[in-house]
Full PDB file with SEQRES, HELIX, SHEET, SSBOND, CRYST1, ORIGX, SCALE, CONECT and MASTER records, all heavy atoms in Angstrom:
SEQRES   1 A   37  MET LEU GLU THR ILE ASP SER CYS PRO ALA PRO VAL ILE          
SEQRES   2 A   37  ALA ARG VAL GLN GLY HIS ALA LEU GLY GLY GLY CYS GLY          
SEQRES   3 A   37  LEU VAL ALA CYS SER ASP ILE ALA ILE ALA ALA                  
HELIX    1 AA1 LEU A    2  ASP A    6  1                                   5    
HELIX    2 AA2 GLY A   23  CYS A   30  1                                   8    
SHEET    1 AA1 2 ILE A  13  VAL A  16  0                                        
SHEET    2 AA1 2 ILE A  33  ALA A  36  1                                        
CRYST1    1.000    1.000    1.000  90.00  90.00  90.00 P 1           1          
ORIGX1      1.000000  0.000000  0.000000        0.00000                         
ORIGX2      0.000000  1.000000  0.000000        0.00000                         
ORIGX3      0.000000  0.000000  1.000000        0.00000                         
SCALE1      1.000000  0.000000  0.000000        0.00000                         
SCALE2      0.000000  1.000000  0.000000        0.00000                         
SCALE3      0.000000  0.000000  1.000000        0.00000                         
ATOM      1  N   MET A   1      48.142 -15.210 -94.543  1.00  0.00           N  
ATOM      2  CA  MET A   1      48.721 -15.928 -93.401  1.00  0.00           C  
ATOM      3  C   MET A   1      48.000 -15.614 -92.129  1.00  0.00           C  
ATOM      4  O   MET A   1      47.573 -16.527 -91.390  1.00  0.00           O  
ATOM      5  CB  MET A   1      50.196 -15.583 -93.275  1.00  0.00           C  
ATOM      6  CG  MET A   1      50.881 -16.288 -92.084  1.00  0.00           C  
ATOM      7  SD  MET A   1      52.421 -15.540 -91.589  1.00  0.00           S  
ATOM      8  CE  MET A   1      51.817 -14.082 -90.710  1.00  0.00           C  
ATOM      9  N   LEU A   2      47.766 -14.344 -91.859  1.00  0.00           N  
ATOM     10  CA  LEU A   2      47.057 -13.944 -90.638  1.00  0.00           C  
ATOM     11  C   LEU A   2      45.637 -14.486 -90.603  1.00  0.00           C  
ATOM     12  O   LEU A   2      45.180 -14.923 -89.575  1.00  0.00           O  
ATOM     13  CB  LEU A   2      47.109 -12.440 -90.512  1.00  0.00           C  
ATOM     14  CG  LEU A   2      48.464 -11.786 -90.329  1.00  0.00           C  
ATOM     15  CD1 LEU A   2      48.356 -10.272 -90.474  1.00  0.00           C  
ATOM     16  CD2 LEU A   2      49.085 -12.163 -88.978  1.00  0.00           C  
ATOM     17  N   GLU A   3      44.951 -14.425 -91.736  1.00  0.00           N  
ATOM     18  CA  GLU A   3      43.604 -14.940 -91.765  1.00  0.00           C  
ATOM     19  C   GLU A   3      43.535 -16.455 -91.580  1.00  0.00           C  
ATOM     20  O   GLU A   3      42.624 -16.978 -90.953  1.00  0.00           O  
ATOM     21  CB  GLU A   3      42.951 -14.554 -93.093  1.00  0.00           C  
ATOM     22  CG  GLU A   3      42.585 -13.080 -93.248  1.00  0.00           C  
ATOM     23  CD  GLU A   3      41.871 -12.736 -94.512  1.00  0.00           C  
ATOM     24  OE1 GLU A   3      41.788 -13.624 -95.393  1.00  0.00           O  
ATOM     25  OE2 GLU A   3      41.379 -11.589 -94.623  1.00  0.00           O  
ATOM     26  N   THR A   4      44.562 -17.156 -92.091  1.00  0.00           N  
ATOM     27  CA  THR A   4      44.579 -18.609 -91.903  1.00  0.00           C  
ATOM     28  C   THR A   4      44.776 -18.974 -90.435  1.00  0.00           C  
ATOM     29  O   THR A   4      44.127 -19.896 -89.951  1.00  0.00           O  
ATOM     30  CB  THR A   4      45.744 -19.195 -92.767  1.00  0.00           C  
ATOM     31  OG1 THR A   4      45.539 -18.844 -94.146  1.00  0.00           O  
ATOM     32  CG2 THR A   4      45.773 -20.736 -92.635  1.00  0.00           C  
ATOM     33  N   ILE A   5      45.632 -18.216 -89.739  1.00  0.00           N  
ATOM     34  CA  ILE A   5      45.816 -18.461 -88.317  1.00  0.00           C  
ATOM     35  C   ILE A   5      44.536 -18.086 -87.559  1.00  0.00           C  
ATOM     36  O   ILE A   5      44.069 -18.841 -86.696  1.00  0.00           O  
ATOM     37  CB  ILE A   5      47.025 -17.671 -87.797  1.00  0.00           C  
ATOM     38  CG1 ILE A   5      48.322 -18.145 -88.463  1.00  0.00           C  
ATOM     39  CG2 ILE A   5      47.149 -17.776 -86.243  1.00  0.00           C  
ATOM     40  CD1 ILE A   5      49.518 -17.291 -88.203  1.00  0.00           C  
ATOM     41  N   ASP A   6      43.973 -16.928 -87.851  1.00  0.00           N  
ATOM     42  CA  ASP A   6      42.796 -16.444 -87.141  1.00  0.00           C  
ATOM     43  C   ASP A   6      41.612 -17.377 -87.313  1.00  0.00           C  
ATOM     44  O   ASP A   6      40.885 -17.643 -86.373  1.00  0.00           O  
ATOM     45  CB  ASP A   6      42.421 -15.066 -87.703  1.00  0.00           C  
ATOM     46  CG  ASP A   6      41.304 -14.417 -86.944  1.00  0.00           C  
ATOM     47  OD1 ASP A   6      41.477 -14.161 -85.738  1.00  0.00           O  
ATOM     48  OD2 ASP A   6      40.253 -14.109 -87.572  1.00  0.00           O  
ATOM     49  N   SER A   7      41.454 -17.936 -88.496  1.00  0.00           N  
ATOM     50  CA  SER A   7      40.327 -18.837 -88.797  1.00  0.00           C  
ATOM     51  C   SER A   7      40.633 -20.297 -88.599  1.00  0.00           C  
ATOM     52  O   SER A   7      39.816 -21.165 -88.925  1.00  0.00           O  
ATOM     53  CB  SER A   7      39.835 -18.609 -90.211  1.00  0.00           C  
ATOM     54  OG  SER A   7      40.827 -18.908 -91.176  1.00  0.00           O  
ATOM     55  N   CYS A   8      41.832 -20.642 -88.105  1.00  0.00           N  
ATOM     56  CA  CYS A   8      42.198 -22.042 -87.841  1.00  0.00           C  
ATOM     57  C   CYS A   8      41.108 -22.691 -87.018  1.00  0.00           C  
ATOM     58  O   CYS A   8      40.701 -22.129 -85.973  1.00  0.00           O  
ATOM     59  CB  CYS A   8      43.516 -22.102 -87.120  1.00  0.00           C  
ATOM     60  SG  CYS A   8      44.002 -23.782 -86.598  1.00  0.00           S  
ATOM     61  N   PRO A   9      40.532 -23.790 -87.412  1.00  0.00           N  
ATOM     62  CA  PRO A   9      39.401 -24.367 -86.683  1.00  0.00           C  
ATOM     63  C   PRO A   9      39.735 -24.797 -85.268  1.00  0.00           C  
ATOM     64  O   PRO A   9      38.895 -24.740 -84.347  1.00  0.00           O  
ATOM     65  CB  PRO A   9      38.964 -25.563 -87.524  1.00  0.00           C  
ATOM     66  CG  PRO A   9      40.171 -25.877 -88.366  1.00  0.00           C  
ATOM     67  CD  PRO A   9      40.831 -24.584 -88.637  1.00  0.00           C  
ATOM     68  N   ALA A  10      40.967 -25.177 -85.015  1.00  0.00           N  
ATOM     69  CA  ALA A  10      41.386 -25.587 -83.653  1.00  0.00           C  
ATOM     70  C   ALA A  10      41.825 -24.372 -82.890  1.00  0.00           C  
ATOM     71  O   ALA A  10      42.353 -23.357 -83.448  1.00  0.00           O  
ATOM     72  CB  ALA A  10      42.560 -26.550 -83.736  1.00  0.00           C  
ATOM     73  N   PRO A  11      41.629 -24.327 -81.583  1.00  0.00           N  
ATOM     74  CA  PRO A  11      42.102 -23.218 -80.757  1.00  0.00           C  
ATOM     75  C   PRO A  11      43.587 -23.037 -80.885  1.00  0.00           C  
ATOM     76  O   PRO A  11      44.353 -24.050 -80.899  1.00  0.00           O  
ATOM     77  CB  PRO A  11      41.699 -23.627 -79.329  1.00  0.00           C  
ATOM     78  CG  PRO A  11      40.567 -24.577 -79.497  1.00  0.00           C  
ATOM     79  CD  PRO A  11      40.872 -25.326 -80.783  1.00  0.00           C  
ATOM     80  N   VAL A  12      44.064 -21.804 -80.950  1.00  0.00           N  
ATOM     81  CA  VAL A  12      45.495 -21.485 -81.133  1.00  0.00           C  
ATOM     82  C   VAL A  12      45.960 -20.760 -79.894  1.00  0.00           C  
ATOM     83  O   VAL A  12      45.404 -19.746 -79.468  1.00  0.00           O  
ATOM     84  CB  VAL A  12      45.717 -20.601 -82.377  1.00  0.00           C  
ATOM     85  CG1 VAL A  12      47.188 -20.236 -82.501  1.00  0.00           C  
ATOM     86  CG2 VAL A  12      45.255 -21.322 -83.641  1.00  0.00           C  
ATOM     87  N   ILE A  13      47.042 -21.271 -79.311  1.00  0.00           N  
ATOM     88  CA  ILE A  13      47.696 -20.694 -78.147  1.00  0.00           C  
ATOM     89  C   ILE A  13      49.000 -20.103 -78.567  1.00  0.00           C  
ATOM     90  O   ILE A  13      49.850 -20.820 -79.148  1.00  0.00           O  
ATOM     91  CB  ILE A  13      47.925 -21.750 -77.014  1.00  0.00           C  
ATOM     92  CG1 ILE A  13      46.619 -22.395 -76.605  1.00  0.00           C  
ATOM     93  CG2 ILE A  13      48.634 -21.091 -75.833  1.00  0.00           C  
ATOM     94  CD1 ILE A  13      46.810 -23.572 -75.661  1.00  0.00           C  
ATOM     95  N   ALA A  14      49.229 -18.824 -78.274  1.00  0.00           N  
ATOM     96  CA  ALA A  14      50.524 -18.201 -78.568  1.00  0.00           C  
ATOM     97  C   ALA A  14      51.350 -18.196 -77.248  1.00  0.00           C  
ATOM     98  O   ALA A  14      50.893 -17.750 -76.207  1.00  0.00           O  
ATOM     99  CB  ALA A  14      50.319 -16.757 -79.044  1.00  0.00           C  
ATOM    100  N   ARG A  15      52.547 -18.679 -77.387  1.00  0.00           N  
ATOM    101  CA  ARG A  15      53.534 -18.721 -76.260  1.00  0.00           C  
ATOM    102  C   ARG A  15      54.525 -17.604 -76.547  1.00  0.00           C  
ATOM    103  O   ARG A  15      55.382 -17.756 -77.420  1.00  0.00           O  
ATOM    104  CB  ARG A  15      54.205 -20.119 -76.168  1.00  0.00           C  
ATOM    105  CG  ARG A  15      55.246 -20.270 -75.097  1.00  0.00           C  
ATOM    106  CD  ARG A  15      56.046 -21.502 -75.345  1.00  0.00           C  
ATOM    107  NE  ARG A  15      57.027 -21.751 -74.300  1.00  0.00           N  
ATOM    108  CZ  ARG A  15      58.178 -21.171 -74.180  1.00  0.00           C  
ATOM    109  NH1 ARG A  15      58.549 -20.220 -75.054  1.00  0.00           N  
ATOM    110  NH2 ARG A  15      59.003 -21.453 -73.186  1.00  0.00           N  
ATOM    111  N   VAL A  16      54.444 -16.503 -75.807  1.00  0.00           N  
ATOM    112  CA  VAL A  16      55.150 -15.281 -76.221  1.00  0.00           C  
ATOM    113  C   VAL A  16      56.233 -14.912 -75.206  1.00  0.00           C  
ATOM    114  O   VAL A  16      55.961 -14.861 -73.982  1.00  0.00           O  
ATOM    115  CB  VAL A  16      54.128 -14.115 -76.306  1.00  0.00           C  
ATOM    116  CG1 VAL A  16      54.798 -12.868 -76.906  1.00  0.00           C  
ATOM    117  CG2 VAL A  16      52.942 -14.535 -77.159  1.00  0.00           C  
ATOM    118  N   GLN A  17      57.435 -14.645 -75.691  1.00  0.00           N  
ATOM    119  CA  GLN A  17      58.538 -14.221 -74.869  1.00  0.00           C  
ATOM    120  C   GLN A  17      59.435 -13.206 -75.601  1.00  0.00           C  
ATOM    121  O   GLN A  17      59.354 -13.075 -76.814  1.00  0.00           O  
ATOM    122  CB  GLN A  17      59.369 -15.415 -74.431  1.00  0.00           C  
ATOM    123  CG  GLN A  17      60.467 -15.870 -75.402  1.00  0.00           C  
ATOM    124  CD  GLN A  17      59.942 -16.571 -76.616  1.00  0.00           C  
ATOM    125  OE1 GLN A  17      58.749 -16.849 -76.769  1.00  0.00           O  
ATOM    126  NE2 GLN A  17      60.839 -16.918 -77.554  1.00  0.00           N  
ATOM    127  N   GLY A  18      60.174 -12.462 -74.853  1.00  0.00           N  
ATOM    128  CA  GLY A  18      61.193 -11.563 -75.450  1.00  0.00           C  
ATOM    129  C   GLY A  18      60.564 -10.351 -76.076  1.00  0.00           C  
ATOM    130  O   GLY A  18      60.302  -9.313 -75.418  1.00  0.00           O  
ATOM    131  N   HIS A  19      60.299 -10.469 -77.376  1.00  0.00           N  
ATOM    132  CA  HIS A  19      59.696  -9.339 -78.133  1.00  0.00           C  
ATOM    133  C   HIS A  19      58.603  -9.846 -79.047  1.00  0.00           C  
ATOM    134  O   HIS A  19      58.708 -10.906 -79.672  1.00  0.00           O  
ATOM    135  CB  HIS A  19      60.772  -8.639 -78.975  1.00  0.00           C  
ATOM    136  CG  HIS A  19      61.803  -7.906 -78.162  1.00  0.00           C  
ATOM    137  ND1 HIS A  19      62.913  -8.571 -77.716  1.00  0.00           N  
ATOM    138  CD2 HIS A  19      61.879  -6.613 -77.694  1.00  0.00           C  
ATOM    139  CE1 HIS A  19      63.669  -7.682 -77.022  1.00  0.00           C  
ATOM    140  NE2 HIS A  19      63.065  -6.538 -76.989  1.00  0.00           N  
ATOM    141  N   ALA A  20      57.553  -9.065 -79.162  1.00  0.00           N  
ATOM    142  CA  ALA A  20      56.499  -9.246 -80.158  1.00  0.00           C  
ATOM    143  C   ALA A  20      56.259  -7.852 -80.739  1.00  0.00           C  
ATOM    144  O   ALA A  20      55.537  -7.040 -80.187  1.00  0.00           O  
ATOM    145  CB  ALA A  20      55.224  -9.818 -79.550  1.00  0.00           C  
ATOM    146  N   LEU A  21      56.873  -7.626 -81.888  1.00  0.00           N  
ATOM    147  CA  LEU A  21      56.866  -6.283 -82.477  1.00  0.00           C  
ATOM    148  C   LEU A  21      56.243  -6.301 -83.851  1.00  0.00           C  
ATOM    149  O   LEU A  21      56.383  -7.275 -84.618  1.00  0.00           O  
ATOM    150  CB  LEU A  21      58.298  -5.765 -82.594  1.00  0.00           C  
ATOM    151  CG  LEU A  21      59.193  -5.829 -81.364  1.00  0.00           C  
ATOM    152  CD1 LEU A  21      60.582  -5.364 -81.680  1.00  0.00           C  
ATOM    153  CD2 LEU A  21      58.584  -5.034 -80.213  1.00  0.00           C  
ATOM    154  N   GLY A  22      55.489  -5.265 -84.191  1.00  0.00           N  
ATOM    155  CA  GLY A  22      54.881  -5.134 -85.502  1.00  0.00           C  
ATOM    156  C   GLY A  22      54.052  -6.365 -85.855  1.00  0.00           C  
ATOM    157  O   GLY A  22      53.054  -6.685 -85.178  1.00  0.00           O  
ATOM    158  N   GLY A  23      54.452  -7.073 -86.892  1.00  0.00           N  
ATOM    159  CA  GLY A  23      53.728  -8.306 -87.311  1.00  0.00           C  
ATOM    160  C   GLY A  23      53.728  -9.366 -86.250  1.00  0.00           C  
ATOM    161  O   GLY A  23      52.849 -10.196 -86.198  1.00  0.00           O  
ATOM    162  N   GLY A  24      54.722  -9.342 -85.317  1.00  0.00           N  
ATOM    163  CA  GLY A  24      54.711 -10.258 -84.214  1.00  0.00           C  
ATOM    164  C   GLY A  24      53.515 -10.026 -83.301  1.00  0.00           C  
ATOM    165  O   GLY A  24      52.887 -10.965 -82.781  1.00  0.00           O  
ATOM    166  N   CYS A  25      53.157  -8.745 -83.125  1.00  0.00           N  
ATOM    167  CA  CYS A  25      51.918  -8.407 -82.401  1.00  0.00           C  
ATOM    168  C   CYS A  25      50.702  -8.927 -83.150  1.00  0.00           C  
ATOM    169  O   CYS A  25      49.692  -9.319 -82.549  1.00  0.00           O  
ATOM    170  CB  CYS A  25      51.773  -6.928 -82.160  1.00  0.00           C  
ATOM    171  SG  CYS A  25      52.579  -6.313 -80.676  1.00  0.00           S  
ATOM    172  N   GLY A  26      50.772  -8.864 -84.498  1.00  0.00           N  
ATOM    173  CA  GLY A  26      49.714  -9.417 -85.298  1.00  0.00           C  
ATOM    174  C   GLY A  26      49.476 -10.861 -85.036  1.00  0.00           C  
ATOM    175  O   GLY A  26      48.347 -11.359 -84.982  1.00  0.00           O  
ATOM    176  N   LEU A  27      50.559 -11.650 -84.953  1.00  0.00           N  
ATOM    177  CA  LEU A  27      50.465 -13.075 -84.634  1.00  0.00           C  
ATOM    178  C   LEU A  27      49.784 -13.310 -83.284  1.00  0.00           C  
ATOM    179  O   LEU A  27      48.945 -14.203 -83.103  1.00  0.00           O  
ATOM    180  CB  LEU A  27      51.825 -13.738 -84.647  1.00  0.00           C  
ATOM    181  CG  LEU A  27      52.494 -13.983 -85.984  1.00  0.00           C  
ATOM    182  CD1 LEU A  27      53.885 -14.570 -85.766  1.00  0.00           C  
ATOM    183  CD2 LEU A  27      51.668 -14.883 -86.851  1.00  0.00           C  
ATOM    184  N   VAL A  28      50.185 -12.502 -82.304  1.00  0.00           N  
ATOM    185  CA  VAL A  28      49.572 -12.606 -80.960  1.00  0.00           C  
ATOM    186  C   VAL A  28      48.053 -12.319 -81.050  1.00  0.00           C  
ATOM    187  O   VAL A  28      47.231 -13.026 -80.487  1.00  0.00           O  
ATOM    188  CB  VAL A  28      50.225 -11.653 -79.974  1.00  0.00           C  
ATOM    189  CG1 VAL A  28      49.551 -11.685 -78.610  1.00  0.00           C  
ATOM    190  CG2 VAL A  28      51.713 -11.994 -79.811  1.00  0.00           C  
ATOM    191  N   ALA A  29      47.732 -11.289 -81.834  1.00  0.00           N  
ATOM    192  CA  ALA A  29      46.310 -10.886 -81.935  1.00  0.00           C  
ATOM    193  C   ALA A  29      45.488 -11.958 -82.668  1.00  0.00           C  
ATOM    194  O   ALA A  29      44.304 -12.102 -82.385  1.00  0.00           O  
ATOM    195  CB  ALA A  29      46.202  -9.575 -82.678  1.00  0.00           C  
ATOM    196  N   CYS A  30      46.077 -12.695 -83.578  1.00  0.00           N  
ATOM    197  CA  CYS A  30      45.393 -13.779 -84.303  1.00  0.00           C  
ATOM    198  C   CYS A  30      45.136 -15.007 -83.476  1.00  0.00           C  
ATOM    199  O   CYS A  30      44.314 -15.862 -83.835  1.00  0.00           O  
ATOM    200  CB  CYS A  30      46.152 -14.156 -85.552  1.00  0.00           C  
ATOM    201  SG  CYS A  30      46.116 -12.935 -86.850  1.00  0.00           S  
ATOM    202  N   SER A  31      45.820 -15.163 -82.386  1.00  0.00           N  
ATOM    203  CA  SER A  31      45.712 -16.335 -81.537  1.00  0.00           C  
ATOM    204  C   SER A  31      44.518 -16.232 -80.662  1.00  0.00           C  
ATOM    205  O   SER A  31      44.116 -15.125 -80.261  1.00  0.00           O  
ATOM    206  CB  SER A  31      47.011 -16.527 -80.730  1.00  0.00           C  
ATOM    207  OG  SER A  31      48.157 -16.603 -81.539  1.00  0.00           O  
ATOM    208  N   ASP A  32      43.932 -17.354 -80.321  1.00  0.00           N  
ATOM    209  CA  ASP A  32      42.793 -17.371 -79.434  1.00  0.00           C  
ATOM    210  C   ASP A  32      43.156 -17.074 -78.008  1.00  0.00           C  
ATOM    211  O   ASP A  32      42.427 -16.370 -77.306  1.00  0.00           O  
ATOM    212  CB  ASP A  32      42.079 -18.740 -79.512  1.00  0.00           C  
ATOM    213  CG  ASP A  32      41.572 -19.040 -80.915  1.00  0.00           C  
ATOM    214  OD1 ASP A  32      40.716 -18.246 -81.406  1.00  0.00           O  
ATOM    215  OD2 ASP A  32      42.023 -20.006 -81.525  1.00  0.00           O  
ATOM    216  N   ILE A  33      44.287 -17.584 -77.605  1.00  0.00           N  
ATOM    217  CA  ILE A  33      44.776 -17.397 -76.235  1.00  0.00           C  
ATOM    218  C   ILE A  33      46.222 -17.061 -76.336  1.00  0.00           C  
ATOM    219  O   ILE A  33      47.016 -17.742 -76.998  1.00  0.00           O  
ATOM    220  CB  ILE A  33      44.583 -18.681 -75.369  1.00  0.00           C  
ATOM    221  CG1 ILE A  33      43.120 -19.164 -75.448  1.00  0.00           C  
ATOM    222  CG2 ILE A  33      45.012 -18.415 -73.911  1.00  0.00           C  
ATOM    223  CD1 ILE A  33      42.916 -20.570 -74.854  1.00  0.00           C  
ATOM    224  N   ALA A  34      46.661 -15.996 -75.639  1.00  0.00           N  
ATOM    225  CA  ALA A  34      48.054 -15.612 -75.634  1.00  0.00           C  
ATOM    226  C   ALA A  34      48.597 -15.572 -74.205  1.00  0.00           C  
ATOM    227  O   ALA A  34      48.016 -14.902 -73.366  1.00  0.00           O  
ATOM    228  CB  ALA A  34      48.223 -14.243 -76.302  1.00  0.00           C  
ATOM    229  N   ILE A  35      49.693 -16.260 -73.974  1.00  0.00           N  
ATOM    230  CA  ILE A  35      50.366 -16.279 -72.678  1.00  0.00           C  
ATOM    231  C   ILE A  35      51.746 -15.700 -72.883  1.00  0.00           C  
ATOM    232  O   ILE A  35      52.496 -16.114 -73.779  1.00  0.00           O  
ATOM    233  CB  ILE A  35      50.462 -17.699 -72.100  1.00  0.00           C  
ATOM    234  CG1 ILE A  35      49.072 -18.338 -72.001  1.00  0.00           C  
ATOM    235  CG2 ILE A  35      51.165 -17.674 -70.763  1.00  0.00           C  
ATOM    236  CD1 ILE A  35      49.117 -19.765 -71.516  1.00  0.00           C  
ATOM    237  N   ALA A  36      52.122 -14.695 -72.064  1.00  0.00           N  
ATOM    238  CA  ALA A  36      53.396 -14.033 -72.232  1.00  0.00           C  
ATOM    239  C   ALA A  36      54.234 -14.071 -70.987  1.00  0.00           C  
ATOM    240  O   ALA A  36      53.725 -14.054 -69.873  1.00  0.00           O  
ATOM    241  CB  ALA A  36      53.127 -12.557 -72.630  1.00  0.00           C  
ATOM    242  N   ALA A  37      55.540 -14.098 -71.195  1.00  0.00           N  
ATOM    243  CA  ALA A  37      56.463 -13.920 -70.077  1.00  0.00           C  
ATOM    244  C   ALA A  37      56.360 -12.503 -69.541  1.00  0.00           C  
ATOM    245  O   ALA A  37      56.132 -11.562 -70.322  1.00  0.00           O  
ATOM    246  CB  ALA A  37      57.871 -14.222 -70.534  1.00  0.00           C  
TER     247      ALA A  37                                                      
MASTER        0    0    0    2    2    0    0    6  246    1    0    3          
END                                                                             
């Protein structure tokens, strides 16, 4: 799953709020651009 997001051909923007814990941080790291509250 993480590799599929990381290698997604289109740019990926993560819209992050509240908590990003454990694997949630992994999702943020896989995104090309991360914007957080």
